[in-house]
Amino acid sequence: KFDELDEIAELVRANEKEVKEISEKMKTHYQKVGIVKYDAFHEMGGELSFALTMLDENNNGFIINSVHSTEGCYSYTKEIKNGESSISLGKEEEEALATAIGE
């Protein structure tokens, strides 16, 4: 029985180590998402443009803004660090960021 207890204790230690490693890795994975669909131009309908924010636990990540017009579709990315962008954000981008952060 003592051998079995020792074996179980070893498995518990191994599991604790794996859970710690997984928890550390999860901090850098994208966990927070905010998306805002909108009409970039008044003559367009259907809300075909969108701003998508993806952030990790520390509010680091990016915003993709895809603008749909009659002439094509244009995509822009902006880096987010600690919940802020060094480049000014449009109204829809700010809204997507606030949604992802949970404000």
PDB file of N, CA and C in Angstrom:
ATOM      1  N   LYS A   1       0.819  -1.202   0.000  1.00  0.00           N
ATOM      2  CA  LYS A   1       0.000   0.000   0.000  1.00  0.00           C
ATOM      3  C   LYS A   1       0.862   1.265   0.000  1.00  0.00           C
ATOM      4  N   PHE A   2       1.981   1.216   0.746  1.00  0.00           N
ATOM      5  CA  PHE A   2       2.860   2.386   0.775  1.00  0.00           C
ATOM      6  C   PHE A   2       3.459   2.651  -0.602  1.00  0.00           C
ATOM      7  N   ASP A   3       3.788   1.595  -1.323  1.00  0.00           N
ATOM      8  CA  ASP A   3       4.312   1.767  -2.685  1.00  0.00           C
ATOM      9  C   ASP A   3       3.262   2.430  -3.578  1.00  0.00           C
ATOM     10  N   GLU A   4       2.013   2.014  -3.423  1.00  0.00           N
ATOM     11  CA  GLU A   4       0.929   2.611  -4.209  1.00  0.00           C
ATOM     12  C   GLU A   4       0.758   4.086  -3.854  1.00  0.00           C
ATOM     13  N   LEU A   5       0.836   4.407  -2.573  1.00  0.00           N
ATOM     14  CA  LEU A   5       0.727   5.801  -2.141  1.00  0.00           C
ATOM     15  C   LEU A   5       1.866   6.648  -2.703  1.00  0.00           C
ATOM     16  N   ASP A   6       3.069   6.086  -2.696  1.00  0.00           N
ATOM     17  CA  ASP A   6       4.211   6.794  -3.273  1.00  0.00           C
ATOM     18  C   ASP A   6       4.006   7.042  -4.772  1.00  0.00           C
ATOM     19  N   GLU A   7       3.474   6.043  -5.444  1.00  0.00           N
ATOM     20  CA  GLU A   7       3.217   6.159  -6.878  1.00  0.00           C
ATOM     21  C   GLU A   7       2.153   7.239  -7.146  1.00  0.00           C
ATOM     22  N   ILE A   8       1.106   7.245  -6.344  1.00  0.00           N
ATOM     23  CA  ILE A   8       0.048   8.240  -6.484  1.00  0.00           C
ATOM     24  C   ILE A   8       0.598   9.637  -6.201  1.00  0.00           C
ATOM     25  N   ALA A   9       1.422   9.776  -5.176  1.00  0.00           N
ATOM     26  CA  ALA A   9       2.017  11.075  -4.835  1.00  0.00           C
ATOM     27  C   ALA A   9       2.883  11.572  -5.988  1.00  0.00           C
ATOM     28  N   GLU A  10       3.623  10.679  -6.624  1.00  0.00           N
ATOM     29  CA  GLU A  10       4.447  11.056  -7.774  1.00  0.00           C
ATOM     30  C   GLU A  10       3.582  11.535  -8.940  1.00  0.00           C
ATOM     31  N   LEU A  11       2.475  10.842  -9.188  1.00  0.00           N
ATOM     32  CA  LEU A  11       1.557  11.254 -10.253  1.00  0.00           C
ATOM     33  C   LEU A  11       0.947  12.630  -9.960  1.00  0.00           C
ATOM     34  N   VAL A  12       0.616  12.877  -8.707  1.00  0.00           N
ATOM     35  CA  VAL A  12       0.058  14.173  -8.318  1.00  0.00           C
ATOM     36  C   VAL A  12       1.077  15.277  -8.577  1.00  0.00           C
ATOM     37  N   ARG A  13       2.336  15.055  -8.211  1.00  0.00           N
ATOM     38  CA  ARG A  13       3.378  16.053  -8.454  1.00  0.00           C
ATOM     39  C   ARG A  13       3.545  16.321  -9.952  1.00  0.00           C
ATOM     40  N   ALA A  14       3.518  15.257 -10.751  1.00  0.00           N
ATOM     41  CA  ALA A  14       3.651  15.408 -12.199  1.00  0.00           C
ATOM     42  C   ALA A  14       2.459  16.200 -12.764  1.00  0.00           C
ATOM     43  N   ASN A  15       1.262  15.906 -12.271  1.00  0.00           N
ATOM     44  CA  ASN A  15       0.064  16.623 -12.730  1.00  0.00           C
ATOM     45  C   ASN A  15       0.124  18.099 -12.340  1.00  0.00           C
ATOM     46  N   GLU A  16       0.571  18.378 -11.119  1.00  0.00           N
ATOM     47  CA  GLU A  16       0.690  19.765 -10.675  1.00  0.00           C
ATOM     48  C   GLU A  16       1.659  20.540 -11.564  1.00  0.00           C
ATOM     49  N   LYS A  17       2.762  19.905 -11.928  1.00  0.00           N
ATOM     50  CA  LYS A  17       3.747  20.546 -12.791  1.00  0.00           C
ATOM     51  C   LYS A  17       3.141  20.833 -14.170  1.00  0.00           C
ATOM     52  N   GLU A  18       2.411  19.873 -14.721  1.00  0.00           N
ATOM     53  CA  GLU A  18       1.791  20.064 -16.034  1.00  0.00           C
ATOM     54  C   GLU A  18       0.737  21.167 -16.002  1.00  0.00           C
ATOM     55  N   VAL A  19      -0.061  21.203 -14.943  1.00  0.00           N
ATOM     56  CA  VAL A  19      -1.085  22.247 -14.821  1.00  0.00           C
ATOM     57  C   VAL A  19      -0.438  23.626 -14.743  1.00  0.00           C
ATOM     58  N   LYS A  20       0.668  23.733 -14.006  1.00  0.00           N
ATOM     59  CA  LYS A  20       1.388  25.014 -13.919  1.00  0.00           C
ATOM     60  C   LYS A  20       1.902  25.442 -15.292  1.00  0.00           C
ATOM     61  N   GLU A  21       2.473  24.506 -16.035  1.00  0.00           N
ATOM     62  CA  GLU A  21       2.995  24.810 -17.371  1.00  0.00           C
ATOM     63  C   GLU A  21       1.875  25.260 -18.301  1.00  0.00           C
ATOM     64  N   ILE A  22       0.752  24.573 -18.249  1.00  0.00           N
ATOM     65  CA  ILE A  22      -0.388  24.929 -19.098  1.00  0.00           C
ATOM     66  C   ILE A  22      -0.905  26.312 -18.724  1.00  0.00           C
ATOM     67  N   SER A  23      -0.991  26.599 -17.442  1.00  0.00           N
ATOM     68  CA  SER A  23      -1.465  27.912 -16.987  1.00  0.00           C
ATOM     69  C   SER A  23      -0.553  29.023 -17.479  1.00  0.00           C
ATOM     70  N   GLU A  24       0.753  28.820 -17.444  1.00  0.00           N
ATOM     71  CA  GLU A  24       1.700  29.829 -17.927  1.00  0.00           C
ATOM     72  C   GLU A  24       1.541  30.047 -19.430  1.00  0.00           C
ATOM     73  N   LYS A  25       1.377  28.955 -20.181  1.00  0.00           N
ATOM     74  CA  LYS A  25       1.210  29.073 -21.628  1.00  0.00           C
ATOM     75  C   LYS A  25      -0.090  29.780 -21.974  1.00  0.00           C
ATOM     76  N   MET A  26      -1.135  29.556 -21.207  1.00  0.00           N
ATOM     77  CA  MET A  26      -2.438  30.159 -21.489  1.00  0.00           C
ATOM     78  C   MET A  26      -2.398  31.683 -21.391  1.00  0.00           C
ATOM     79  N   LYS A  27      -1.501  32.232 -20.602  1.00  0.00           N
ATOM     80  CA  LYS A  27      -1.428  33.682 -20.440  1.00  0.00           C
ATOM     81  C   LYS A  27      -1.103  34.388 -21.746  1.00  0.00           C
ATOM     82  N   THR A  28      -0.394  33.708 -22.646  1.00  0.00           N
ATOM     83  CA  THR A  28       0.009  34.328 -23.898  1.00  0.00           C
ATOM     84  C   THR A  28      -0.901  33.957 -25.069  1.00  0.00           C
ATOM     85  N   HIS A  29      -1.896  33.122 -24.847  1.00  0.00           N
ATOM     86  CA  HIS A  29      -2.833  32.761 -25.910  1.00  0.00           C
ATOM     87  C   HIS A  29      -3.951  33.794 -25.978  1.00  0.00           C
ATOM     88  N   TYR A  30      -4.471  33.987 -27.182  1.00  0.00           N
ATOM     89  CA  TYR A  30      -5.566  34.940 -27.346  1.00  0.00           C
ATOM     90  C   TYR A  30      -6.807  34.370 -26.672  1.00  0.00           C
ATOM     91  N   GLN A  31      -7.332  35.120 -25.706  1.00  0.00           N
ATOM     92  CA  GLN A  31      -8.459  34.677 -24.906  1.00  0.00           C
ATOM     93  C   GLN A  31      -9.629  35.639 -24.976  1.00  0.00           C
ATOM     94  N   LYS A  32      -9.360  36.859 -25.356  1.00  0.00           N
ATOM     95  CA  LYS A  32     -10.381  37.901 -25.346  1.00  0.00           C
ATOM     96  C   LYS A  32     -10.641  38.362 -26.777  1.00  0.00           C
ATOM     97  N   VAL A  33     -11.905  38.443 -27.127  1.00  0.00           N
ATOM     98  CA  VAL A  33     -12.279  38.791 -28.496  1.00  0.00           C
ATOM     99  C   VAL A  33     -13.359  39.866 -28.476  1.00  0.00           C
ATOM    100  N   GLY A  34     -13.237  40.817 -29.373  1.00  0.00           N
ATOM    101  CA  GLY A  34     -14.276  41.819 -29.586  1.00  0.00           C
ATOM    102  C   GLY A  34     -14.424  42.051 -31.073  1.00  0.00           C
ATOM    103  N   ILE A  35     -15.641  42.048 -31.553  1.00  0.00           N
ATOM    104  CA  ILE A  35     -15.870  42.296 -32.983  1.00  0.00           C
ATOM    105  C   ILE A  35     -17.027  43.269 -33.142  1.00  0.00           C
ATOM    106  N   VAL A  36     -16.838  44.198 -34.074  1.00  0.00           N
ATOM    107  CA  VAL A  36     -17.865  45.183 -34.397  1.00  0.00           C
ATOM    108  C   VAL A  36     -18.037  45.169 -35.911  1.00  0.00           C
ATOM    109  N   LYS A  37     -19.249  44.887 -36.374  1.00  0.00           N
ATOM    110  CA  LYS A  37     -19.569  44.947 -37.802  1.00  0.00           C
ATOM    111  C   LYS A  37     -20.194  46.309 -38.073  1.00  0.00           C
ATOM    112  N   TYR A  38     -19.869  46.883 -39.232  1.00  0.00           N
ATOM    113  CA  TYR A  38     -20.384  48.211 -39.549  1.00  0.00           C
ATOM    114  C   TYR A  38     -20.375  48.458 -41.048  1.00  0.00           C
ATOM    115  N   ASP A  39     -21.088  49.505 -41.447  1.00  0.00           N
ATOM    116  CA  ASP A  39     -21.069  49.969 -42.838  1.00  0.00           C
ATOM    117  C   ASP A  39     -20.027  51.071 -42.941  1.00  0.00           C
ATOM    118  N   ALA A  40     -18.963  50.827 -43.674  1.00  0.00           N
ATOM    119  CA  ALA A  40     -17.895  51.819 -43.798  1.00  0.00           C
ATOM    120  C   ALA A  40     -18.341  53.018 -44.629  1.00  0.00           C
ATOM    121  N   PHE A  41     -19.220  52.781 -45.590  1.00  0.00           N
ATOM    122  CA  PHE A  41     -19.698  53.849 -46.463  1.00  0.00           C
ATOM    123  C   PHE A  41     -21.216  53.806 -46.477  1.00  0.00           C
ATOM    124  N   HIS A  42     -21.828  54.962 -46.492  1.00  0.00           N
ATOM    125  CA  HIS A  42     -23.284  55.044 -46.377  1.00  0.00           C
ATOM    126  C   HIS A  42     -24.021  54.380 -47.535  1.00  0.00           C
ATOM    127  N   GLU A  43     -23.407  54.359 -48.716  1.00  0.00           N
ATOM    128  CA  GLU A  43     -24.094  53.736 -49.849  1.00  0.00           C
ATOM    129  C   GLU A  43     -24.061  52.212 -49.782  1.00  0.00           C
ATOM    130  N   MET A  44     -23.230  51.665 -48.913  1.00  0.00           N
ATOM    131  CA  MET A  44     -23.123  50.211 -48.763  1.00  0.00           C
ATOM    132  C   MET A  44     -24.052  49.764 -47.645  1.00  0.00           C
ATOM    133  N   GLY A  45     -24.613  48.613 -47.780  1.00  0.00           N
ATOM    134  CA  GLY A  45     -25.457  48.051 -46.726  1.00  0.00           C
ATOM    135  C   GLY A  45     -24.918  46.700 -46.303  1.00  0.00           C
ATOM    136  N   GLY A  46     -25.534  46.118 -45.324  1.00  0.00           N
ATOM    137  CA  GLY A  46     -25.194  44.760 -44.915  1.00  0.00           C
ATOM    138  C   GLY A  46     -24.076  44.641 -43.908  1.00  0.00           C
ATOM    139  N   GLU A  47     -23.548  45.751 -43.443  1.00  0.00           N
ATOM    140  CA  GLU A  47     -22.459  45.725 -42.458  1.00  0.00           C
ATOM    141  C   GLU A  47     -21.359  44.734 -42.860  1.00  0.00           C
ATOM    142  N   LEU A  48     -20.760  44.962 -44.013  1.00  0.00           N
ATOM    143  CA  LEU A  48     -19.732  44.068 -44.537  1.00  0.00           C
ATOM    144  C   LEU A  48     -18.331  44.394 -44.013  1.00  0.00           C
ATOM    145  N   SER A  49     -18.145  45.537 -43.390  1.00  0.00           N
ATOM    146  CA  SER A  49     -16.860  45.898 -42.784  1.00  0.00           C
ATOM    147  C   SER A  49     -16.869  45.442 -41.330  1.00  0.00           C
ATOM    148  N   PHE A  50     -15.669  45.208 -40.777  1.00  0.00           N
ATOM    149  CA  PHE A  50     -15.612  44.803 -39.374  1.00  0.00           C
ATOM    150  C   PHE A  50     -14.283  45.185 -38.746  1.00  0.00           C
ATOM    151  N   ALA A  51     -14.313  45.351 -37.426  1.00  0.00           N
ATOM    152  CA  ALA A  51     -13.099  45.530 -36.621  1.00  0.00           C
ATOM    153  C   ALA A  51     -13.063  44.361 -35.641  1.00  0.00           C
ATOM    154  N   LEU A  52     -11.972  43.612 -35.658  1.00  0.00           N
ATOM    155  CA  LEU A  52     -11.817  42.427 -34.809  1.00  0.00           C
ATOM    156  C   LEU A  52     -10.619  42.626 -33.893  1.00  0.00           C
ATOM    157  N   THR A  53     -10.840  42.484 -32.599  1.00  0.00           N
ATOM    158  CA  THR A  53      -9.764  42.596 -31.617  1.00  0.00           C
ATOM    159  C   THR A  53      -9.543  41.228 -30.984  1.00  0.00           C
ATOM    160  N   MET A  54      -8.279  40.819 -30.870  1.00  0.00           N
ATOM    161  CA  MET A  54      -7.918  39.585 -30.175  1.00  0.00           C
ATOM    162  C   MET A  54      -6.797  39.908 -29.195  1.00  0.00           C
ATOM    163  N   LEU A  55      -7.019  39.564 -27.914  1.00  0.00           N
ATOM    164  CA  LEU A  55      -6.071  39.901 -26.855  1.00  0.00           C
ATOM    165  C   LEU A  55      -5.754  38.690 -25.993  1.00  0.00           C
ATOM    166  N   ASP A  56      -4.560  38.730 -25.387  1.00  0.00           N
ATOM    167  CA  ASP A  56      -4.204  37.705 -24.413  1.00  0.00           C
ATOM    168  C   ASP A  56      -4.621  38.177 -23.018  1.00  0.00           C
ATOM    169  N   GLU A  57      -4.213  37.439 -22.003  1.00  0.00           N
ATOM    170  CA  GLU A  57      -4.593  37.756 -20.627  1.00  0.00           C
ATOM    171  C   GLU A  57      -4.140  39.146 -20.188  1.00  0.00           C
ATOM    172  N   ASN A  58      -3.008  39.609 -20.744  1.00  0.00           N
ATOM    173  CA  ASN A  58      -2.438  40.907 -20.366  1.00  0.00           C
ATOM    174  C   ASN A  58      -2.864  42.038 -21.299  1.00  0.00           C
ATOM    175  N   ASN A  59      -3.916  41.791 -22.081  1.00  0.00           N
ATOM    176  CA  ASN A  59      -4.444  42.774 -23.040  1.00  0.00           C
ATOM    177  C   ASN A  59      -3.429  43.170 -24.104  1.00  0.00           C
ATOM    178  N   ASN A  60      -2.631  42.201 -24.534  1.00  0.00           N
ATOM    179  CA  ASN A  60      -1.716  42.383 -25.662  1.00  0.00           C
ATOM    180  C   ASN A  60      -2.266  41.595 -26.842  1.00  0.00           C
ATOM    181  N   GLY A  61      -2.190  42.165 -28.021  1.00  0.00           N
ATOM    182  CA  GLY A  61      -2.685  41.467 -29.200  1.00  0.00           C
ATOM    183  C   GLY A  61      -2.762  42.392 -30.388  1.00  0.00           C
ATOM    184  N   PHE A  62      -3.895  42.349 -31.103  1.00  0.00           N
ATOM    185  CA  PHE A  62      -4.023  43.138 -32.320  1.00  0.00           C
ATOM    186  C   PHE A  62      -5.484  43.420 -32.646  1.00  0.00           C
ATOM    187  N   ILE A  63      -5.654  44.405 -33.515  1.00  0.00           N
ATOM    188  CA  ILE A  63      -6.951  44.722 -34.103  1.00  0.00           C
ATOM    189  C   ILE A  63      -6.799  44.584 -35.611  1.00  0.00           C
ATOM    190  N   ILE A  64      -7.718  43.886 -36.224  1.00  0.00           N
ATOM    191  CA  ILE A  64      -7.804  43.835 -37.684  1.00  0.00           C
ATOM    192  C   ILE A  64      -9.046  44.617 -38.062  1.00  0.00           C
ATOM    193  N   ASN A  65      -8.877  45.575 -38.952  1.00  0.00           N
ATOM    194  CA  ASN A  65     -10.009  46.344 -39.451  1.00  0.00           C
ATOM    195  C   ASN A  65     -10.120  46.050 -40.936  1.00  0.00           C
ATOM    196  N   SER A  66     -11.223  45.464 -41.345  1.00  0.00           N
ATOM    197  CA  SER A  66     -11.468  45.132 -42.742  1.00  0.00           C
ATOM    198  C   SER A  66     -12.558  46.059 -43.264  1.00  0.00           C
ATOM    199  N   VAL A  67     -12.178  46.909 -44.212  1.00  0.00           N
ATOM    200  CA  VAL A  67     -13.091  47.915 -44.756  1.00  0.00           C
ATOM    201  C   VAL A  67     -13.546  47.466 -46.144  1.00  0.00           C
ATOM    202  N   HIS A  68     -14.845  47.293 -46.295  1.00  0.00           N
ATOM    203  CA  HIS A  68     -15.424  46.835 -47.559  1.00  0.00           C
ATOM    204  C   HIS A  68     -16.044  48.022 -48.290  1.00  0.00           C
ATOM    205  N   SER A  69     -15.654  48.186 -49.552  1.00  0.00           N
ATOM    206  CA  SER A  69     -16.227  49.250 -50.376  1.00  0.00           C
ATOM    207  C   SER A  69     -16.621  48.668 -51.729  1.00  0.00           C
ATOM    208  N   THR A  70     -17.191  49.489 -52.570  1.00  0.00           N
ATOM    209  CA  THR A  70     -17.583  49.021 -53.906  1.00  0.00           C
ATOM    210  C   THR A  70     -16.359  48.691 -54.761  1.00  0.00           C
ATOM    211  N   GLU A  71     -15.210  49.252 -54.414  1.00  0.00           N
ATOM    212  CA  GLU A  71     -13.994  49.030 -55.192  1.00  0.00           C
ATOM    213  C   GLU A  71     -13.134  47.893 -54.666  1.00  0.00           C
ATOM    214  N   GLY A  72     -13.443  47.378 -53.497  1.00  0.00           N
ATOM    215  CA  GLY A  72     -12.645  46.290 -52.951  1.00  0.00           C
ATOM    216  C   GLY A  72     -12.721  46.235 -51.438  1.00  0.00           C
ATOM    217  N   CYS A  73     -11.867  45.397 -50.908  1.00  0.00           N
ATOM    218  CA  CYS A  73     -11.816  45.208 -49.455  1.00  0.00           C
ATOM    219  C   CYS A  73     -10.378  45.473 -49.004  1.00  0.00           C
ATOM    220  N   TYR A  74     -10.237  46.294 -47.978  1.00  0.00           N
ATOM    221  CA  TYR A  74      -8.917  46.672 -47.491  1.00  0.00           C
ATOM    222  C   TYR A  74      -8.820  46.294 -46.020  1.00  0.00           C
ATOM    223  N   SER A  75      -7.705  45.687 -45.632  1.00  0.00           N
ATOM    224  CA  SER A  75      -7.522  45.258 -44.243  1.00  0.00           C
ATOM    225  C   SER A  75      -6.324  45.972 -43.625  1.00  0.00           C
ATOM    226  N   TYR A  76      -6.498  46.347 -42.370  1.00  0.00           N
ATOM    227  CA  TYR A  76      -5.452  47.045 -41.625  1.00  0.00           C
ATOM    228  C   TYR A  76      -5.294  46.369 -40.267  1.00  0.00           C
ATOM    229  N   THR A  77      -4.061  46.309 -39.778  1.00  0.00           N
ATOM    230  CA  THR A  77      -3.831  45.754 -38.446  1.00  0.00           C
ATOM    231  C   THR A  77      -3.155  46.807 -37.569  1.00  0.00           C
ATOM    232  N   LYS A  78      -3.492  46.747 -36.296  1.00  0.00           N
ATOM    233  CA  LYS A  78      -2.873  47.637 -35.319  1.00  0.00           C
ATOM    234  C   LYS A  78      -2.524  46.811 -34.096  1.00  0.00           C
ATOM    235  N   GLU A  79      -1.301  46.978 -33.632  1.00  0.00           N
ATOM    236  CA  GLU A  79      -0.830  46.241 -32.460  1.00  0.00           C
ATOM    237  C   GLU A  79      -1.394  46.868 -31.185  1.00  0.00           C
ATOM    238  N   ILE A  80      -1.765  46.007 -30.236  1.00  0.00           N
ATOM    239  CA  ILE A  80      -2.271  46.452 -28.945  1.00  0.00           C
ATOM    240  C   ILE A  80      -1.318  45.954 -27.864  1.00  0.00           C
ATOM    241  N   LYS A  81      -0.832  46.867 -27.025  1.00  0.00           N
ATOM    242  CA  LYS A  81       0.026  46.523 -25.894  1.00  0.00           C
ATOM    243  C   LYS A  81      -0.595  47.080 -24.629  1.00  0.00           C
ATOM    244  N   ASN A  82      -0.802  46.215 -23.663  1.00  0.00           N
ATOM    245  CA  ASN A  82      -1.410  46.609 -22.386  1.00  0.00           C
ATOM    246  C   ASN A  82      -2.726  47.355 -22.589  1.00  0.00           C
ATOM    247  N   GLY A  83      -3.502  46.913 -23.573  1.00  0.00           N
ATOM    248  CA  GLY A  83      -4.822  47.486 -23.804  1.00  0.00           C
ATOM    249  C   GLY A  83      -4.835  48.795 -24.563  1.00  0.00           C
ATOM    250  N   GLU A  84      -3.683  49.205 -25.112  1.00  0.00           N
ATOM    251  CA  GLU A  84      -3.608  50.486 -25.826  1.00  0.00           C
ATOM    252  C   GLU A  84      -2.873  50.329 -27.148  1.00  0.00           C
ATOM    253  N   SER A  85      -3.212  51.213 -28.076  1.00  0.00           N
ATOM    254  CA  SER A  85      -2.554  51.231 -29.380  1.00  0.00           C
ATOM    255  C   SER A  85      -1.714  52.497 -29.502  1.00  0.00           C
ATOM    256  N   SER A  86      -0.555  52.367 -30.132  1.00  0.00           N
ATOM    257  CA  SER A  86       0.278  53.560 -30.364  1.00  0.00           C
ATOM    258  C   SER A  86      -0.237  54.353 -31.565  1.00  0.00           C
ATOM    259  N   ILE A  87      -1.126  53.739 -32.341  1.00  0.00           N
ATOM    260  CA  ILE A  87      -1.743  54.382 -33.497  1.00  0.00           C
ATOM    261  C   ILE A  87      -3.184  54.718 -33.105  1.00  0.00           C
ATOM    262  N   SER A  88      -3.659  55.876 -33.512  1.00  0.00           N
ATOM    263  CA  SER A  88      -5.028  56.252 -33.145  1.00  0.00           C
ATOM    264  C   SER A  88      -6.027  55.247 -33.733  1.00  0.00           C
ATOM    265  N   LEU A  89      -7.080  54.998 -32.969  1.00  0.00           N
ATOM    266  CA  LEU A  89      -8.088  54.024 -33.362  1.00  0.00           C
ATOM    267  C   LEU A  89      -9.350  54.721 -33.843  1.00  0.00           C
ATOM    268  N   GLY A  90     -10.011  54.093 -34.792  1.00  0.00           N
ATOM    269  CA  GLY A  90     -11.311  54.576 -35.241  1.00  0.00           C
ATOM    270  C   GLY A  90     -12.379  54.186 -34.227  1.00  0.00           C
ATOM    271  N   LYS A  91     -13.565  54.727 -34.391  1.00  0.00           N
ATOM    272  CA  LYS A  91     -14.675  54.487 -33.461  1.00  0.00           C
ATOM    273  C   LYS A  91     -14.971  52.995 -33.319  1.00  0.00           C
ATOM    274  N   GLU A  92     -15.049  52.285 -34.441  1.00  0.00           N
ATOM    275  CA  GLU A  92     -15.371  50.858 -34.415  1.00  0.00           C
ATOM    276  C   GLU A  92     -14.240  50.059 -33.773  1.00  0.00           C
ATOM    277  N   GLU A  93     -12.992  50.460 -34.033  1.00  0.00           N
ATOM    278  CA  GLU A  93     -11.846  49.781 -33.423  1.00  0.00           C
ATOM    279  C   GLU A  93     -11.846  49.976 -31.912  1.00  0.00           C
ATOM    280  N   GLU A  94     -12.141  51.184 -31.460  1.00  0.00           N
ATOM    281  CA  GLU A  94     -12.214  51.451 -30.022  1.00  0.00           C
ATOM    282  C   GLU A  94     -13.301  50.600 -29.375  1.00  0.00           C
ATOM    283  N   GLU A  95     -14.421  50.468 -30.055  1.00  0.00           N
ATOM    284  CA  GLU A  95     -15.529  49.679 -29.530  1.00  0.00           C
ATOM    285  C   GLU A  95     -15.159  48.189 -29.445  1.00  0.00           C
ATOM    286  N   ALA A  96     -14.490  47.681 -30.474  1.00  0.00           N
ATOM    287  CA  ALA A  96     -14.066  46.275 -30.469  1.00  0.00           C
ATOM    288  C   ALA A  96     -13.032  46.036 -29.364  1.00  0.00           C
ATOM    289  N   LEU A  97     -12.129  46.988 -29.168  1.00  0.00           N
ATOM    290  CA  LEU A  97     -11.122  46.873 -28.112  1.00  0.00           C
ATOM    291  C   LEU A  97     -11.796  46.871 -26.734  1.00  0.00           C
ATOM    292  N   ALA A  98     -12.725  47.784 -26.526  1.00  0.00           N
ATOM    293  CA  ALA A  98     -13.425  47.860 -25.232  1.00  0.00           C
ATOM    294  C   ALA A  98     -14.204  46.565 -24.969  1.00  0.00           C
ATOM    295  N   THR A  99     -14.806  46.002 -26.005  1.00  0.00           N
ATOM    296  CA  THR A  99     -15.543  44.736 -25.850  1.00  0.00           C
ATOM    297  C   THR A  99     -14.587  43.626 -25.441  1.00  0.00           C
ATOM    298  N   ALA A 100     -13.441  43.544 -26.094  1.00  0.00           N
ATOM    299  CA  ALA A 100     -12.469  42.492 -25.778  1.00  0.00           C
ATOM    300  C   ALA A 100     -11.939  42.630 -24.348  1.00  0.00           C
ATOM    301  N   ILE A 101     -11.671  43.855 -23.932  1.00  0.00           N
ATOM    302  CA  ILE A 101     -11.151  44.092 -22.580  1.00  0.00           C
ATOM    303  C   ILE A 101     -12.242  43.836 -21.539  1.00  0.00           C
ATOM    304  N   GLY A 102     -13.483  44.050 -21.945  1.00  0.00           N
ATOM    305  CA  GLY A 102     -14.588  43.820 -21.024  1.00  0.00           C
ATOM    306  C   GLY A 102     -15.099  45.086 -20.385  1.00  0.00           C
ATOM    307  N   GLU A 103     -14.902  46.203 -21.027  1.00  0.00           N
ATOM    308  CA  GLU A 103     -15.349  47.498 -20.490  1.00  0.00           C
ATOM    309  C   GLU A 103     -16.774  47.771 -20.887  1.00  0.00           C
TER     310      GLU A 103
END
